Amino acid sequence: MSCNWIELPLGDFIELKRGYDLPKGKRKFGDYPIVSSAGTTDYHAEFKVTAPGVVTGRYGTIGEVFYVDIDFWPLNTTLYVKDFKGNCPEFVYYLLKTFDFHKYSDKAAVPGVNRNHLHMELVRVPDSYESQKKIAEYISKIDKKVSINQQLNQTLEAMAQAIFKSWFVDFDPVKAKMNGEQPAEMDVATASLFPEKLVESEIGLIPEGWVETPLYDIAEYINGAAYKKFEPNNEGIGLPIVKIAELKAGITQKTGFSTVDMPAKYRLEDNDILFSWSGNPDTSIDTFVWALGEAWLNQHIFKVVPKSVLSRDYVLCLLKFMRPVFAEIARDKQTTGLGHVTVKDLKRLTVALPSEELLIKFNEKVSAIIAQNFSLVKQNQNLEKLRDTLLPKLLSGEIELGNLQVEQVKALVE
């Protein structure tokens, strides 16, 4: 697809406007999202802007861009597109995502994006709505594929967790055998590995023969190194340093890199289990599977190495299942918004550990689910990398939709 491209100031292409004050005391819960610099943070009974909308942060979180498809209230910490001037809103959304908004930030104690500076920035764009829309539709297909994969991954994780809970928390197979029944959806060989009796223990009723085991004893927990020891650089040279931010958002422009030859225990590879033990109890205390290749591990994160390769999937599911427990422990120790789960806590928390034979059967049951989950994560990473590479080139006209690389990506998402 070829189209005519024009160069003009952003302020001639769209008009940005500051959002509106809405103190919490004046909010009345309703159907309309309240959009802050961090995205939708609440809902209100009234709206200020008719959809569709494009919003970015003015103060606070700078650099995020949000597309809003229902009427909304943009807060005064944001800039929103007041007038699209006949241009495609979806194209505008993707165009703004290519901006480095920190370049337009005031040099104040609390920096904020200067709208006037943004308006003066020259942009190169297609001169027709139809051309803009075709480009936006192509990019949105990648985003939709990523979203579908994420939803599928949530389903896969729920499936693995349901099996884990049934076997190792609710002890459903044991209870079925106690009632003289065959455990549901289980072959005879697997069912034979479950005992027919629950016995008293310090952690309550557990299957007979299972061993009360501290969480600390089922794996080795390797804490990362202090950030400064990596002598980090911002040039992307060496291996990325994984902090909690990278566990959440992946490798970004803010990620530090290191060429220092650190001990091997701090090196990460795909499929390593990582447990973030410090941070906000609700958003940071969690278990992750690393999927971004070789990297270095920063402190406040444990690399979890199961004592037996047979128990890898069991350990992963167990740590994920215990997230609410970890969050509550961290919340009880919370200071200045941060909480911690310590080695002492891991030694105190006890689980009922089944036989090795049963762990093997559990791995057989969930390994394909967990492998598919990981495969989808890797696919999303590749799609997002391709999207981020192609996005500025498509939006500036450097390449067109008929480009070979563009067609290859299209084949992946259709």
Protein backbone atom coordinates (compact mmCIF):
# COMPACT_ATOMS: atom_id res chain seq x y z
CA MET A 1 0.00 0.00 0.00
CA SER A 2 1.45 3.35 -1.06
CA CYS A 3 0.21 6.67 0.24
CA ASN A 4 1.16 10.31 0.32
CA TRP A 5 3.11 11.48 3.35
CA ILE A 6 3.26 14.97 4.75
CA GLU A 7 5.39 16.61 7.42
CA LEU A 8 3.82 19.05 9.86
CA PRO A 9 3.92 20.09 13.53
CA LEU A 10 2.06 17.72 15.84
CA GLY A 11 -0.13 20.64 16.91
CA ASP A 12 -1.41 20.93 13.33
CA PHE A 13 -2.17 17.21 13.25
CA ILE A 14 -3.96 16.93 16.62
CA GLU A 15 -4.67 19.14 19.63
CA LEU A 16 -3.66 18.01 23.09
CA LYS A 17 -5.32 19.38 26.22
CA ARG A 18 -4.75 19.04 29.93
CA GLY A 19 -7.18 16.79 31.83
CA TYR A 20 -9.55 17.82 34.61
CA ASP A 21 -9.35 17.91 38.39
CA LEU A 22 -11.48 15.37 40.22
CA PRO A 23 -10.65 15.06 43.93
CA LYS A 24 -11.45 11.69 45.45
CA GLY A 25 -14.00 13.29 47.76
CA LYS A 26 -16.05 14.44 44.78
CA ARG A 27 -16.05 11.14 42.92
CA LYS A 28 -19.27 9.16 42.59
CA PHE A 29 -18.80 5.60 41.41
CA GLY A 30 -20.25 4.94 37.96
CA ASP A 31 -19.59 3.51 34.51
CA TYR A 32 -16.99 5.94 33.19
CA PRO A 33 -13.26 5.30 33.63
CA ILE A 34 -11.11 7.89 35.35
CA VAL A 35 -7.84 7.90 33.42
CA SER A 36 -4.67 9.03 35.18
CA SER A 37 -1.08 9.07 33.94
CA ALA A 38 -0.96 5.38 34.93
CA GLY A 39 -4.14 4.40 33.07
CA THR A 40 -7.63 3.67 34.37
CA THR A 41 -7.51 4.02 38.15
CA ASP A 42 -11.18 4.45 39.12
CA TYR A 43 -14.70 4.99 37.77
CA HIS A 44 -17.07 7.95 37.99
CA ALA A 45 -20.75 8.66 37.31
CA GLU A 46 -19.89 11.44 34.83
CA PHE A 47 -17.53 11.81 31.88
CA LYS A 48 -15.70 14.75 30.38
CA VAL A 49 -14.59 13.35 27.02
CA THR A 50 -16.49 11.37 24.40
CA ALA A 51 -14.80 8.23 23.09
CA PRO A 52 -12.62 7.33 21.36
CA GLY A 53 -9.83 8.93 23.33
CA VAL A 54 -6.06 8.92 23.48
CA VAL A 55 -4.39 9.86 26.76
CA THR A 56 -0.82 10.19 28.00
CA GLY A 57 0.77 11.23 31.28
CA ARG A 58 1.55 14.88 31.97
CA TYR A 59 2.77 14.40 35.55
CA GLY A 60 3.53 11.28 37.54
CA THR A 61 3.95 8.35 35.18
CA ILE A 62 5.38 9.76 31.95
CA GLY A 63 5.65 7.80 28.71
CA GLU A 64 2.57 5.58 28.79
CA VAL A 65 -0.13 6.10 26.14
CA PHE A 66 -3.68 4.79 26.53
CA TYR A 67 -6.46 4.23 24.00
CA VAL A 68 -9.90 4.62 25.59
CA ASP A 69 -12.90 3.21 23.72
CA ILE A 70 -15.66 4.43 26.05
CA ASP A 71 -16.50 7.91 27.33
CA PHE A 72 -14.10 8.87 30.12
CA TRP A 73 -12.73 11.45 32.56
CA PRO A 74 -9.04 12.32 32.01
CA LEU A 75 -7.42 13.58 35.21
CA ASN A 76 -5.33 16.71 35.40
CA THR A 77 -2.17 14.58 35.51
CA THR A 78 -2.78 13.73 31.85
CA LEU A 79 -2.88 15.19 28.38
CA TYR A 80 -5.66 13.93 26.13
CA VAL A 81 -6.42 14.48 22.45
CA LYS A 82 -9.10 17.16 22.42
CA ASP A 83 -9.28 17.32 18.62
CA PHE A 84 -8.16 14.61 16.20
CA LYS A 85 -8.66 17.09 13.34
CA GLY A 86 -10.15 14.42 11.09
CA ASN A 87 -7.32 11.94 11.64
CA CYS A 88 -7.63 8.29 12.66
CA PRO A 89 -7.66 7.98 16.49
CA GLU A 90 -6.01 4.55 16.42
CA PHE A 91 -3.19 5.90 14.24
CA VAL A 92 -2.75 8.83 16.63
CA TYR A 93 -2.50 6.37 19.53
CA TYR A 94 0.29 4.40 17.86
CA LEU A 95 2.03 7.58 16.71
CA LEU A 96 2.20 8.93 20.26
CA LYS A 97 3.56 5.60 21.48
CA THR A 98 6.70 6.28 19.42
CA PHE A 99 7.38 9.53 21.30
CA ASP A 100 10.00 9.85 24.03
CA PHE A 101 7.89 12.05 26.29
CA HIS A 102 10.75 12.66 28.71
CA LYS A 103 12.27 14.92 26.03
CA TYR A 104 9.34 17.30 26.47
CA SER A 105 9.44 17.38 30.26
CA ASP A 106 9.86 20.65 32.15
CA LYS A 107 13.02 20.96 34.20
CA ALA A 108 11.11 21.48 37.43
CA ALA A 109 11.31 19.81 40.84
CA VAL A 110 8.34 17.71 39.73
CA PRO A 111 8.90 17.32 35.98
CA GLY A 112 5.91 17.35 33.67
CA VAL A 113 5.35 17.08 29.93
CA ASN A 114 5.11 20.48 28.25
CA ARG A 115 2.19 20.40 25.80
CA ASN A 116 3.51 23.37 23.82
CA HIS A 117 6.81 21.62 23.20
CA LEU A 118 4.93 18.54 22.02
CA HIS A 119 2.81 20.58 19.64
CA MET A 120 5.94 21.96 17.96
CA GLU A 121 7.39 18.51 17.24
CA LEU A 122 7.46 17.71 13.51
CA VAL A 123 5.76 14.46 12.51
CA ARG A 124 5.58 12.65 9.17
CA VAL A 125 2.17 11.09 8.59
CA PRO A 126 -0.12 9.81 5.81
CA ASP A 127 -2.34 12.57 4.46
CA SER A 128 -5.52 10.44 4.36
CA TYR A 129 -7.68 8.88 7.05
CA GLU A 130 -7.93 5.63 5.07
CA SER A 131 -4.15 5.19 4.87
CA GLN A 132 -3.76 5.95 8.57
CA LYS A 133 -6.47 3.43 9.44
CA LYS A 134 -4.91 0.62 7.39
CA ILE A 135 -1.58 1.09 9.18
CA ALA A 136 -3.29 1.19 12.58
CA GLU A 137 -5.33 -1.93 11.79
CA TYR A 138 -2.18 -3.84 10.91
CA ILE A 139 -0.45 -2.89 14.17
CA SER A 140 -3.59 -3.58 16.21
CA LYS A 141 -3.64 -7.16 14.86
CA ILE A 142 -0.32 -7.73 16.60
CA ASP A 143 -1.66 -6.27 19.84
CA LYS A 144 -4.80 -8.41 19.60
CA LYS A 145 -2.73 -11.56 19.04
CA VAL A 146 -0.64 -10.69 22.10
CA SER A 147 -3.82 -10.13 24.11
CA ILE A 148 -5.31 -13.45 22.98
CA ASN A 149 -2.10 -15.24 23.97
CA GLN A 150 -2.18 -13.55 27.38
CA GLN A 151 -5.77 -14.66 27.93
CA LEU A 152 -4.91 -18.20 26.88
CA ASN A 153 -1.98 -18.18 29.29
CA GLN A 154 -4.28 -17.16 32.12
CA THR A 155 -6.46 -20.16 31.27
CA LEU A 156 -3.46 -22.50 31.13
CA GLU A 157 -2.15 -21.27 34.46
CA ALA A 158 -5.60 -21.70 36.01
CA MET A 159 -5.69 -25.29 34.70
CA ALA A 160 -2.31 -26.13 36.26
CA GLN A 161 -3.31 -24.45 39.52
CA ALA A 162 -6.62 -26.35 39.63
CA ILE A 163 -4.80 -29.69 39.35
CA PHE A 164 -2.24 -28.63 41.96
CA LYS A 165 -4.93 -27.52 44.41
CA SER A 166 -6.97 -30.69 43.93
CA TRP A 167 -4.00 -33.00 44.50
CA PHE A 168 -1.90 -31.15 47.08
CA VAL A 169 -4.20 -28.74 48.93
CA ASP A 170 -7.70 -30.20 48.96
CA PHE A 171 -6.40 -33.81 48.75
CA ASP A 172 -9.38 -34.76 46.55
CA PRO A 173 -7.92 -38.12 45.41
CA VAL A 174 -7.30 -39.15 49.03
CA LYS A 175 -10.81 -38.15 50.07
CA ALA A 176 -12.29 -40.05 47.14
CA LYS A 177 -10.43 -43.22 48.14
CA MET A 178 -11.53 -42.74 51.76
CA ASN A 179 -15.11 -42.83 50.44
CA GLY A 180 -14.42 -45.96 48.44
CA GLU A 181 -14.50 -44.08 45.13
CA GLN A 182 -12.11 -43.91 42.20
CA PRO A 183 -10.54 -40.41 42.03
CA ALA A 184 -12.15 -38.41 39.25
CA GLU A 185 -10.35 -38.13 35.90
CA MET A 186 -7.39 -40.17 37.14
CA ASP A 187 -5.91 -43.44 35.89
CA VAL A 188 -5.53 -46.38 38.25
CA ALA A 189 -1.71 -46.15 38.35
CA THR A 190 -1.77 -42.52 39.46
CA ALA A 191 -4.59 -43.11 41.94
CA SER A 192 -2.58 -45.90 43.56
CA LEU A 193 0.09 -43.37 44.57
CA PHE A 194 -2.34 -41.52 46.85
CA PRO A 195 -2.91 -42.93 50.36
CA GLU A 196 -6.37 -43.79 51.65
CA LYS A 197 -6.09 -41.89 54.90
CA LEU A 198 -5.57 -38.37 56.29
CA VAL A 199 -3.59 -38.01 59.50
CA GLU A 200 -3.12 -35.22 62.03
CA SER A 201 -0.06 -32.99 61.74
CA GLU A 202 1.14 -29.61 62.94
CA ILE A 203 -0.28 -28.08 59.75
CA GLY A 204 -3.60 -29.91 59.98
CA LEU A 205 -4.81 -33.07 58.26
CA ILE A 206 -2.42 -34.33 55.59
CA PRO A 207 -2.24 -37.55 53.54
CA GLU A 208 -0.66 -40.44 55.38
CA GLY A 209 3.02 -40.85 54.53
CA TRP A 210 3.49 -37.32 53.23
CA VAL A 211 6.27 -35.42 54.98
CA GLU A 212 5.91 -32.03 56.66
CA THR A 213 8.66 -30.04 54.96
CA PRO A 214 9.72 -26.39 55.33
CA LEU A 215 9.31 -24.45 52.10
CA TYR A 216 12.97 -23.55 52.37
CA ASP A 217 13.99 -27.21 52.08
CA ILE A 218 12.32 -27.97 48.75
CA ALA A 219 14.61 -25.67 46.76
CA GLU A 220 17.70 -23.50 46.88
CA TYR A 221 16.89 -19.78 47.06
CA ILE A 222 19.68 -17.70 45.51
CA ASN A 223 19.40 -13.97 46.13
CA GLY A 224 20.66 -11.65 43.40
CA ALA A 225 23.65 -9.34 43.71
CA ALA A 226 23.58 -5.66 44.66
CA TYR A 227 22.95 -3.47 41.61
CA LYS A 228 26.15 -1.43 41.90
CA LYS A 229 28.29 -4.59 41.78
CA PHE A 230 27.28 -5.02 38.15
CA GLU A 231 28.75 -1.60 37.27
CA PRO A 232 25.65 -1.01 35.13
CA ASN A 233 25.64 0.88 31.84
CA ASN A 234 22.75 2.44 29.92
CA GLU A 235 24.13 1.62 26.46
CA GLY A 236 22.73 -1.90 26.26
CA ILE A 237 26.21 -3.43 26.39
CA GLY A 238 26.51 -6.87 27.96
CA LEU A 239 23.67 -8.72 29.67
CA PRO A 240 20.54 -7.06 31.10
CA ILE A 241 20.23 -6.75 34.88
CA VAL A 242 16.92 -8.12 36.10
CA LYS A 243 15.20 -6.07 38.78
CA ILE A 244 11.55 -6.27 39.81
CA ALA A 245 10.77 -3.75 37.05
CA GLU A 246 12.06 -6.19 34.41
CA LEU A 247 9.94 -9.01 35.85
CA LYS A 248 6.88 -6.86 35.28
CA ALA A 249 7.66 -4.98 32.07
CA GLY A 250 10.49 -6.91 30.43
CA ILE A 251 13.67 -5.30 29.14
CA THR A 252 13.08 -1.61 28.44
CA GLN A 253 15.05 1.56 27.78
CA LYS A 254 15.43 1.93 31.55
CA THR A 255 17.06 -1.49 31.97
CA GLY A 256 20.69 -1.45 33.03
CA PHE A 257 23.25 -3.77 31.40
CA SER A 258 26.54 -5.19 32.63
CA THR A 259 29.74 -6.59 31.17
CA VAL A 260 31.12 -7.56 34.59
CA ASP A 261 31.93 -11.26 34.93
CA MET A 262 29.84 -12.08 37.98
CA PRO A 263 29.63 -15.51 39.68
CA ALA A 264 27.60 -18.05 37.71
CA LYS A 265 24.92 -18.27 40.40
CA TYR A 266 23.72 -14.79 39.41
CA ARG A 267 23.30 -15.68 35.73
CA LEU A 268 19.77 -16.27 34.46
CA GLU A 269 18.57 -18.44 31.60
CA ASP A 270 15.18 -19.15 30.08
CA ASN A 271 12.83 -21.14 32.32
CA ASP A 272 14.50 -20.11 35.58
CA ILE A 273 11.99 -19.69 38.41
CA LEU A 274 12.23 -16.26 40.04
CA PHE A 275 10.58 -15.24 43.30
CA SER A 276 10.29 -11.50 43.95
CA TRP A 277 10.43 -11.32 47.75
CA SER A 278 10.52 -7.55 48.30
CA GLY A 279 8.25 -4.70 47.23
CA ASN A 280 4.61 -3.76 47.18
CA PRO A 281 2.74 -6.76 48.66
CA ASP A 282 -0.06 -6.53 46.08
CA THR A 283 1.92 -5.87 42.91
CA SER A 284 5.51 -7.07 43.42
CA ILE A 285 5.51 -10.16 45.65
CA ASP A 286 5.10 -12.93 43.08
CA THR A 287 6.67 -15.87 41.24
CA PHE A 288 7.79 -15.60 37.62
CA VAL A 289 9.37 -17.78 34.94
CA TRP A 290 12.19 -15.92 33.18
CA ALA A 291 11.86 -15.97 29.40
CA LEU A 292 14.14 -13.24 28.03
CA GLY A 293 17.39 -15.15 27.63
CA GLU A 294 20.68 -14.73 29.46
CA ALA A 295 20.69 -12.02 32.10
CA TRP A 296 22.03 -11.06 35.53
CA LEU A 297 19.98 -11.29 38.72
CA ASN A 298 19.63 -8.24 40.96
CA GLN A 299 18.99 -8.42 44.70
CA HIS A 300 15.45 -8.63 46.15
CA ILE A 301 14.76 -11.56 43.82
CA PHE A 302 15.44 -15.23 44.54
CA LYS A 303 16.42 -17.62 41.78
CA VAL A 304 14.60 -20.75 42.91
CA VAL A 305 16.41 -23.99 42.07
CA PRO A 306 14.33 -27.08 43.02
CA LYS A 307 16.28 -29.71 44.96
CA SER A 308 15.11 -32.32 42.44
CA VAL A 309 14.47 -31.88 38.72
CA LEU A 310 11.41 -34.07 39.26
CA SER A 311 9.84 -31.38 41.43
CA ARG A 312 10.34 -28.36 39.15
CA ASP A 313 6.70 -27.93 38.08
CA TYR A 314 5.50 -28.76 41.59
CA VAL A 315 7.70 -26.03 43.10
CA LEU A 316 6.54 -23.51 40.48
CA CYS A 317 2.85 -24.25 41.09
CA LEU A 318 3.35 -24.26 44.86
CA LEU A 319 5.00 -20.83 44.92
CA LYS A 320 2.33 -19.38 42.64
CA PHE A 321 -0.42 -20.91 44.79
CA MET A 322 1.11 -19.37 47.91
CA ARG A 323 1.17 -15.83 46.53
CA PRO A 324 -1.67 -14.64 48.85
CA VAL A 325 0.23 -16.06 51.84
CA PHE A 326 3.43 -14.31 50.80
CA ALA A 327 1.57 -11.04 50.18
CA GLU A 328 0.04 -11.15 53.66
CA ILE A 329 3.43 -11.83 55.26
CA ALA A 330 4.92 -8.89 53.35
CA ARG A 331 1.97 -6.68 54.27
CA ASP A 332 2.50 -7.37 57.97
CA LYS A 333 6.09 -6.14 57.62
CA GLN A 334 5.27 -3.26 55.31
CA THR A 335 7.22 -0.02 55.73
CA THR A 336 7.02 2.95 53.33
CA GLY A 337 4.90 0.87 50.97
CA LEU A 338 7.34 -2.04 50.79
CA GLY A 339 7.12 -5.47 52.37
CA HIS A 340 9.39 -8.50 52.51
CA VAL A 341 9.33 -12.29 52.60
CA THR A 342 12.53 -13.49 54.26
CA VAL A 343 14.47 -16.74 54.48
CA LYS A 344 13.17 -16.98 58.04
CA ASP A 345 9.63 -16.99 56.65
CA LEU A 346 10.49 -19.70 54.13
CA LYS A 347 11.89 -21.84 56.93
CA ARG A 348 8.75 -21.31 59.02
CA LEU A 349 6.22 -22.10 56.27
CA THR A 350 5.62 -25.84 56.01
CA VAL A 351 4.01 -27.97 53.29
CA ALA A 352 3.06 -31.63 53.07
CA LEU A 353 5.51 -33.10 50.56
CA PRO A 354 4.27 -36.14 48.60
CA SER A 355 6.33 -39.06 47.33
CA GLU A 356 8.78 -38.67 44.48
CA GLU A 357 6.66 -41.04 42.37
CA LEU A 358 3.65 -38.75 42.77
CA LEU A 359 5.73 -35.70 41.86
CA ILE A 360 6.70 -37.49 38.65
CA LYS A 361 3.02 -38.11 37.85
CA PHE A 362 2.19 -34.47 38.60
CA ASN A 363 4.91 -33.30 36.24
CA GLU A 364 3.55 -35.61 33.54
CA LYS A 365 0.10 -34.13 34.09
CA VAL A 366 1.04 -30.44 33.94
CA SER A 367 4.32 -30.29 32.00
CA ALA A 368 2.60 -29.86 28.62
CA ILE A 369 0.40 -27.09 30.06
CA ILE A 370 3.38 -25.24 31.52
CA ALA A 371 5.42 -25.73 28.33
CA GLN A 372 2.62 -24.29 26.20
CA ASN A 373 2.37 -21.35 28.58
CA PHE A 374 6.08 -20.67 28.18
CA SER A 375 5.84 -21.03 24.39
CA LEU A 376 3.10 -18.40 24.24
CA VAL A 377 5.16 -16.06 26.42
CA LYS A 378 8.07 -16.39 23.98
CA GLN A 379 5.75 -15.85 21.01
CA ASN A 380 4.44 -12.66 22.59
CA GLN A 381 7.97 -11.43 23.21
CA ASN A 382 8.83 -11.95 19.54
CA LEU A 383 5.62 -10.24 18.40
CA GLU A 384 6.19 -7.27 20.70
CA LYS A 385 9.79 -6.95 19.56
CA LEU A 386 8.75 -7.02 15.91
CA ARG A 387 5.94 -4.55 16.58
CA ASP A 388 8.26 -2.13 18.37
CA THR A 389 10.78 -2.41 15.54
CA LEU A 390 8.24 -1.93 12.76
CA LEU A 391 6.05 0.65 14.49
CA PRO A 392 8.19 3.79 13.99
CA LYS A 393 9.09 2.70 10.46
CA LEU A 394 5.47 2.17 9.44
CA LEU A 395 4.28 5.36 11.08
CA SER A 396 6.94 7.46 9.38
CA GLY A 397 6.64 5.86 5.95
CA GLU A 398 10.13 4.36 6.05
CA ILE A 399 8.56 1.02 5.12
CA GLU A 400 5.12 0.24 3.68
CA LEU A 401 2.57 -2.46 4.45
CA GLY A 402 3.74 -4.52 1.46
CA ASN A 403 7.23 -4.85 2.96
CA LEU A 404 8.41 -8.50 3.30
CA GLN A 405 8.99 -8.26 7.06
CA VAL A 406 5.54 -6.75 7.50
CA GLU A 407 3.98 -9.60 5.52
CA GLN A 408 5.84 -12.16 7.65
CA VAL A 409 4.43 -10.65 10.83
CA LYS A 410 0.97 -10.54 9.29
CA ALA A 411 1.19 -14.29 8.65
CA LEU A 412 1.91 -14.86 12.36
CA VAL A 413 -1.17 -13.03 13.58
CA GLU A 414 -3.78 -14.09 11.02
